[in-house]
Amino acid sequence: MTNNNWKEHFQHHRHLQLALELRGDRPLRPVRCLGDEQVLLLGGASSGARESRRKPKEHEILSIVVTPDGRSDVQELLAEARADYPRAEASGSGSESLDVQAVYLGLAAEKFSGEEIEIIAGLPLLATFKYSPEVQPEALLAVCEIAADIAELQGIVPLPLGAGDRIPLPGATTSGPLDMMVISVLRHFLPAPIRVRASWAALGWKVAQMGLLYGADELAGWSAAESVAYSSRVRSAGRVETPEVEQGVEEAGREWAPWLAKEGAVR
């Protein structure tokens, strides 16, 4: 555990000093990676899609993301996707037929108390929360405390209140240094088995890649986390496919790990 010097660094946006203050002797794991071409979006999740301009090619779907949107055929679509891609992990909200449940913890601004969440017993969890440009270190500590007490939690995805950087929104769009500080704090104070994801859907690819230098150990684009946190009007800030992800991880000096298929996968 470190002293409170890190809070002063946080409040003065000294992101490099903060990262060094929080950096411990904990060994870095290979970065778990999922390219956008390996993801199938269904239901409400599909509104966040960013289509590739490349020619279609054969690839294995390893993640099926589904969130309810009022359509009656969502479960039918999920069943068809499972039949087509039996090794894919299905994630989303509001269904016992999923492999991973996504939950939204709330907004961390100045303070954070968390929102009441409905958890389906027995399902692994992916948690997400949003943070504003005014987020304080105490609020992030509260997020870590709440997240650490959630059984079956496998990963957490911090998302800025204003996704992407295409249209800056006063009071919502965060800076890159703040995004990196949030990742640093989460990686230090969360239990080691809980992965911290840098989302290029929310941060943009280059900022997400920098997150690897600040402790992120998972990379992905639009997923169940973004689907439960943002409205249907929010679109992914970028689309990145597996070869670019692998190259980006190596450029950051980290080792990458493929997003394992469901059968026999060890998380």
Protein backbone atom coordinates (compact mmCIF):
# COMPACT_ATOMS: atom_id res chain seq x y z
CA MET A 1 0.00 0.00 0.00
CA THR A 2 1.27 3.46 -0.81
CA ASN A 3 0.92 6.73 1.09
CA ASN A 4 -1.34 9.57 0.04
CA ASN A 5 1.22 11.29 -2.21
CA TRP A 6 -0.61 9.71 -5.11
CA LYS A 7 -3.75 11.71 -4.31
CA GLU A 8 -1.84 14.95 -4.65
CA HIS A 9 -0.42 13.79 -7.98
CA PHE A 10 -3.94 12.89 -9.10
CA GLN A 11 -5.43 16.25 -8.14
CA HIS A 12 -2.65 18.09 -9.99
CA HIS A 13 -2.88 15.80 -13.05
CA ARG A 14 0.69 14.53 -12.65
CA HIS A 15 -0.06 11.30 -14.47
CA LEU A 16 3.53 10.06 -14.80
CA GLN A 17 4.34 10.68 -11.13
CA LEU A 18 1.06 9.01 -10.20
CA ALA A 19 1.87 5.91 -12.22
CA LEU A 20 5.32 5.68 -10.66
CA GLU A 21 3.91 6.21 -7.17
CA LEU A 22 1.43 3.38 -7.64
CA ARG A 23 3.70 1.02 -9.53
CA GLY A 24 4.55 -1.96 -7.37
CA ASP A 25 6.38 -5.22 -7.76
CA ARG A 26 3.28 -7.00 -9.06
CA PRO A 27 4.22 -8.89 -12.24
CA LEU A 28 2.50 -7.76 -15.41
CA ARG A 29 0.23 -10.31 -17.05
CA PRO A 30 -0.05 -10.75 -20.78
CA VAL A 31 -2.69 -8.39 -22.16
CA ARG A 32 -5.97 -10.14 -23.00
CA CYS A 33 -6.99 -8.86 -26.44
CA LEU A 34 -10.15 -8.96 -28.52
CA GLY A 35 -10.29 -7.48 -32.03
CA ASP A 36 -13.49 -5.96 -33.33
CA GLU A 37 -13.77 -8.50 -36.14
CA GLN A 38 -14.11 -11.22 -33.48
CA VAL A 39 -17.23 -9.62 -31.94
CA LEU A 40 -20.86 -10.08 -32.96
CA LEU A 41 -23.25 -7.40 -31.66
CA LEU A 42 -26.94 -8.24 -31.18
CA GLY A 43 -30.00 -6.38 -29.88
CA GLY A 44 -29.33 -3.00 -28.31
CA ALA A 45 -25.58 -3.60 -28.48
CA SER A 46 -25.65 -3.41 -32.27
CA SER A 47 -26.37 0.32 -32.22
CA GLY A 48 -22.81 0.97 -31.10
CA ALA A 49 -21.26 -0.88 -34.04
CA ARG A 50 -18.72 0.71 -36.31
CA GLU A 51 -18.55 -1.21 -39.57
CA SER A 52 -15.27 -2.09 -41.19
CA ARG A 53 -14.52 -0.74 -44.66
CA ARG A 54 -12.32 -3.70 -45.41
CA LYS A 55 -13.49 -6.59 -47.51
CA PRO A 56 -15.22 -9.31 -45.49
CA LYS A 57 -12.96 -12.15 -44.52
CA GLU A 58 -13.25 -15.39 -42.65
CA HIS A 59 -12.65 -15.04 -38.93
CA GLU A 60 -13.75 -16.76 -35.77
CA ILE A 61 -16.32 -14.99 -33.59
CA LEU A 62 -15.16 -15.27 -29.98
CA SER A 63 -17.56 -12.81 -28.34
CA ILE A 64 -21.32 -12.36 -28.74
CA VAL A 65 -22.59 -9.16 -27.15
CA VAL A 66 -26.31 -8.80 -26.58
CA THR A 67 -28.38 -6.28 -24.64
CA PRO A 68 -32.19 -6.08 -24.63
CA ASP A 69 -33.76 -3.39 -26.81
CA GLY A 70 -37.42 -4.34 -26.64
CA ARG A 71 -37.24 -6.68 -29.62
CA SER A 72 -38.92 -10.00 -29.12
CA ASP A 73 -36.45 -11.92 -31.26
CA VAL A 74 -33.26 -11.16 -29.29
CA GLN A 75 -33.20 -14.57 -27.63
CA GLU A 76 -33.83 -16.20 -30.98
CA LEU A 77 -30.92 -14.29 -32.50
CA LEU A 78 -28.71 -15.31 -29.58
CA ALA A 79 -29.65 -18.96 -30.03
CA GLU A 80 -28.80 -18.78 -33.73
CA ALA A 81 -25.47 -17.08 -32.96
CA ARG A 82 -24.60 -19.75 -30.40
CA ALA A 83 -25.30 -22.43 -33.00
CA ASP A 84 -23.14 -20.66 -35.59
CA TYR A 85 -20.31 -19.81 -33.14
CA PRO A 86 -20.32 -22.44 -30.37
CA ARG A 87 -16.93 -21.34 -29.01
CA ALA A 88 -17.97 -17.70 -28.54
CA GLU A 89 -18.56 -16.22 -25.10
CA ALA A 90 -21.97 -14.53 -24.82
CA SER A 91 -22.07 -11.44 -22.64
CA GLY A 92 -24.68 -8.80 -21.90
CA SER A 93 -27.40 -7.97 -19.41
CA GLY A 94 -30.75 -9.23 -18.26
CA SER A 95 -30.60 -12.90 -19.28
CA GLU A 96 -29.70 -16.12 -17.53
CA SER A 97 -28.70 -17.64 -20.88
CA LEU A 98 -25.47 -15.59 -21.02
CA ASP A 99 -21.94 -16.67 -20.14
CA VAL A 100 -20.90 -13.30 -18.69
CA GLN A 101 -23.16 -10.67 -17.13
CA ALA A 102 -22.41 -6.95 -17.59
CA VAL A 103 -23.37 -4.59 -14.76
CA TYR A 104 -23.23 -0.78 -14.56
CA LEU A 105 -22.05 0.55 -11.18
CA GLY A 106 -22.90 4.22 -11.75
CA LEU A 107 -21.15 7.57 -12.22
CA ALA A 108 -18.03 8.49 -10.26
CA ALA A 109 -17.78 12.29 -10.18
CA GLU A 110 -16.80 13.89 -6.89
CA LYS A 111 -18.21 11.04 -4.81
CA PHE A 112 -19.26 7.50 -5.53
CA SER A 113 -21.68 5.28 -3.66
CA GLY A 114 -22.55 2.92 -6.49
CA GLU A 115 -25.95 1.96 -7.85
CA GLU A 116 -28.00 -1.01 -6.80
CA ILE A 117 -27.34 -3.74 -9.32
CA GLU A 118 -29.22 -6.90 -10.10
CA ILE A 119 -26.90 -9.88 -10.28
CA ILE A 120 -27.81 -13.27 -11.69
CA ALA A 121 -26.28 -15.77 -9.30
CA GLY A 122 -23.59 -17.99 -10.74
CA LEU A 123 -22.70 -15.88 -13.78
CA PRO A 124 -19.22 -14.34 -14.09
CA LEU A 125 -19.36 -10.56 -14.07
CA LEU A 126 -17.98 -7.67 -16.09
CA ALA A 127 -18.48 -4.34 -14.31
CA THR A 128 -18.30 -0.83 -15.68
CA PHE A 129 -18.69 2.70 -14.39
CA LYS A 130 -18.44 6.17 -15.89
CA TYR A 131 -16.30 8.99 -14.58
CA SER A 132 -16.43 12.73 -15.17
CA PRO A 133 -13.59 15.24 -15.61
CA GLU A 134 -14.17 16.16 -11.94
CA VAL A 135 -13.68 12.65 -10.58
CA GLN A 136 -11.73 12.61 -7.31
CA PRO A 137 -9.34 9.92 -6.03
CA GLU A 138 -11.69 9.10 -3.15
CA ALA A 139 -14.42 8.26 -5.63
CA LEU A 140 -12.12 5.83 -7.45
CA LEU A 141 -11.16 4.21 -4.15
CA ALA A 142 -14.86 3.73 -3.45
CA VAL A 143 -15.26 2.08 -6.86
CA CYS A 144 -12.41 -0.31 -6.03
CA GLU A 145 -13.91 -1.16 -2.64
CA ILE A 146 -17.34 -1.88 -4.11
CA ALA A 147 -15.92 -3.85 -7.04
CA ALA A 148 -13.69 -5.97 -4.79
CA ASP A 149 -16.76 -7.11 -2.83
CA ILE A 150 -18.64 -8.32 -5.91
CA ALA A 151 -18.44 -12.08 -6.19
CA GLU A 152 -17.53 -13.55 -9.58
CA LEU A 153 -16.15 -10.22 -10.85
CA GLN A 154 -13.65 -10.89 -13.62
CA GLY A 155 -13.00 -7.45 -15.03
CA ILE A 156 -13.84 -3.77 -14.84
CA VAL A 157 -14.10 -1.23 -17.66
CA PRO A 158 -13.71 2.47 -16.74
CA LEU A 159 -15.56 4.66 -19.23
CA PRO A 160 -15.41 8.47 -19.58
CA LEU A 161 -18.71 10.29 -19.27
CA GLY A 162 -18.22 11.62 -22.79
CA ALA A 163 -17.13 8.75 -25.03
CA GLY A 164 -14.45 9.38 -27.64
CA ASP A 165 -12.90 12.70 -28.58
CA ARG A 166 -14.66 13.52 -31.85
CA ILE A 167 -17.01 16.10 -30.30
CA PRO A 168 -15.67 17.57 -27.02
CA LEU A 169 -18.48 18.04 -24.50
CA PRO A 170 -17.89 20.47 -21.60
CA GLY A 171 -18.23 18.69 -18.28
CA ALA A 172 -18.18 15.26 -19.94
CA THR A 173 -15.11 14.85 -22.17
CA THR A 174 -12.06 13.81 -20.18
CA SER A 175 -8.39 14.32 -20.97
CA GLY A 176 -5.99 11.56 -21.90
CA PRO A 177 -3.88 12.09 -18.75
CA LEU A 178 -7.00 11.72 -16.57
CA ASP A 179 -7.98 8.52 -18.39
CA MET A 180 -4.51 7.12 -17.67
CA MET A 181 -4.67 8.10 -14.00
CA VAL A 182 -8.00 6.30 -13.60
CA ILE A 183 -6.46 3.13 -15.02
CA SER A 184 -3.43 3.46 -12.72
CA VAL A 185 -5.58 3.77 -9.61
CA LEU A 186 -7.83 0.85 -10.53
CA ARG A 187 -4.91 -1.45 -11.33
CA HIS A 188 -3.19 -0.67 -8.04
CA PHE A 189 -6.16 -0.90 -5.68
CA LEU A 190 -8.20 -3.71 -7.25
CA PRO A 191 -7.38 -7.34 -6.47
CA ALA A 192 -4.90 -8.75 -8.97
CA PRO A 193 -7.32 -11.32 -10.52
CA ILE A 194 -9.70 -8.54 -11.65
CA ARG A 195 -8.61 -7.31 -15.06
CA VAL A 196 -8.68 -3.60 -15.92
CA ARG A 197 -9.73 -2.94 -19.52
CA ALA A 198 -8.79 -0.03 -21.73
CA SER A 199 -11.69 0.50 -24.15
CA TRP A 200 -10.77 1.95 -27.52
CA ALA A 201 -14.50 2.24 -28.22
CA ALA A 202 -14.61 4.95 -25.56
CA LEU A 203 -11.05 6.29 -25.45
CA GLY A 204 -9.92 5.93 -29.04
CA TRP A 205 -7.25 3.45 -30.07
CA LYS A 206 -4.09 5.44 -29.32
CA VAL A 207 -5.24 6.46 -25.83
CA ALA A 208 -6.30 2.89 -25.08
CA GLN A 209 -2.89 1.67 -26.24
CA MET A 210 -1.22 4.10 -23.82
CA GLY A 211 -3.34 2.56 -21.07
CA LEU A 212 -1.08 -0.50 -21.30
CA LEU A 213 1.76 1.59 -19.90
CA TYR A 214 -0.41 2.58 -16.94
CA GLY A 215 -1.55 -0.87 -15.87
CA ALA A 216 -4.35 -1.97 -18.20
CA ASP A 217 -4.19 -5.71 -18.84
CA GLU A 218 -7.12 -6.07 -21.25
CA LEU A 219 -7.94 -4.38 -24.56
CA ALA A 220 -11.23 -4.44 -26.44
CA GLY A 221 -13.63 -2.23 -28.35
CA TRP A 222 -17.42 -2.09 -28.15
CA SER A 223 -18.62 -4.69 -25.68
CA ALA A 224 -21.35 -5.40 -23.16
CA ALA A 225 -19.79 -2.79 -20.86
CA GLU A 226 -20.27 0.09 -23.30
CA SER A 227 -23.74 -1.21 -24.17
CA VAL A 228 -25.02 -1.00 -20.58
CA ALA A 229 -23.26 2.31 -19.81
CA TYR A 230 -24.06 4.48 -22.84
CA SER A 231 -27.23 5.39 -24.66
CA SER A 232 -28.06 4.07 -28.11
CA ARG A 233 -26.90 7.39 -29.62
CA VAL A 234 -23.26 6.77 -28.65
CA ARG A 235 -21.10 5.22 -31.35
CA SER A 236 -17.75 3.52 -30.96
CA ALA A 237 -14.81 5.94 -31.23
CA GLY A 238 -12.88 3.50 -33.38
CA ARG A 239 -12.66 0.04 -34.87
CA VAL A 240 -9.48 -1.99 -34.39
CA GLU A 241 -8.91 -5.51 -35.67
CA THR A 242 -6.70 -8.20 -34.18
CA PRO A 243 -3.45 -7.61 -36.15
CA GLU A 244 -3.43 -3.94 -35.11
CA VAL A 245 -4.15 -4.88 -31.50
CA GLU A 246 -1.30 -7.38 -31.41
CA GLN A 247 1.09 -4.85 -32.94
CA GLY A 248 -0.06 -2.15 -30.52
CA VAL A 249 0.53 -4.36 -27.50
CA GLU A 250 4.03 -5.22 -28.70
CA GLU A 251 4.76 -1.54 -29.36
CA ALA A 252 3.87 -0.84 -25.73
CA GLY A 253 6.38 -3.45 -24.59
CA ARG A 254 3.78 -5.90 -23.30
CA GLU A 255 2.97 -9.48 -24.15
CA TRP A 256 -0.45 -10.16 -25.65
CA ALA A 257 -2.78 -13.06 -25.01
CA PRO A 258 -5.55 -14.04 -27.42
CA TRP A 259 -9.15 -13.89 -26.30
CA LEU A 260 -9.57 -17.58 -25.55
CA ALA A 261 -12.49 -19.47 -26.96
CA LYS A 262 -15.12 -20.63 -24.48
CA GLU A 263 -14.29 -24.31 -24.62
CA GLY A 264 -11.53 -25.07 -22.17
CA ALA A 265 -10.73 -21.39 -21.66
CA VAL A 266 -8.88 -20.37 -18.52
CA ARG A 267 -9.61 -16.77 -17.59
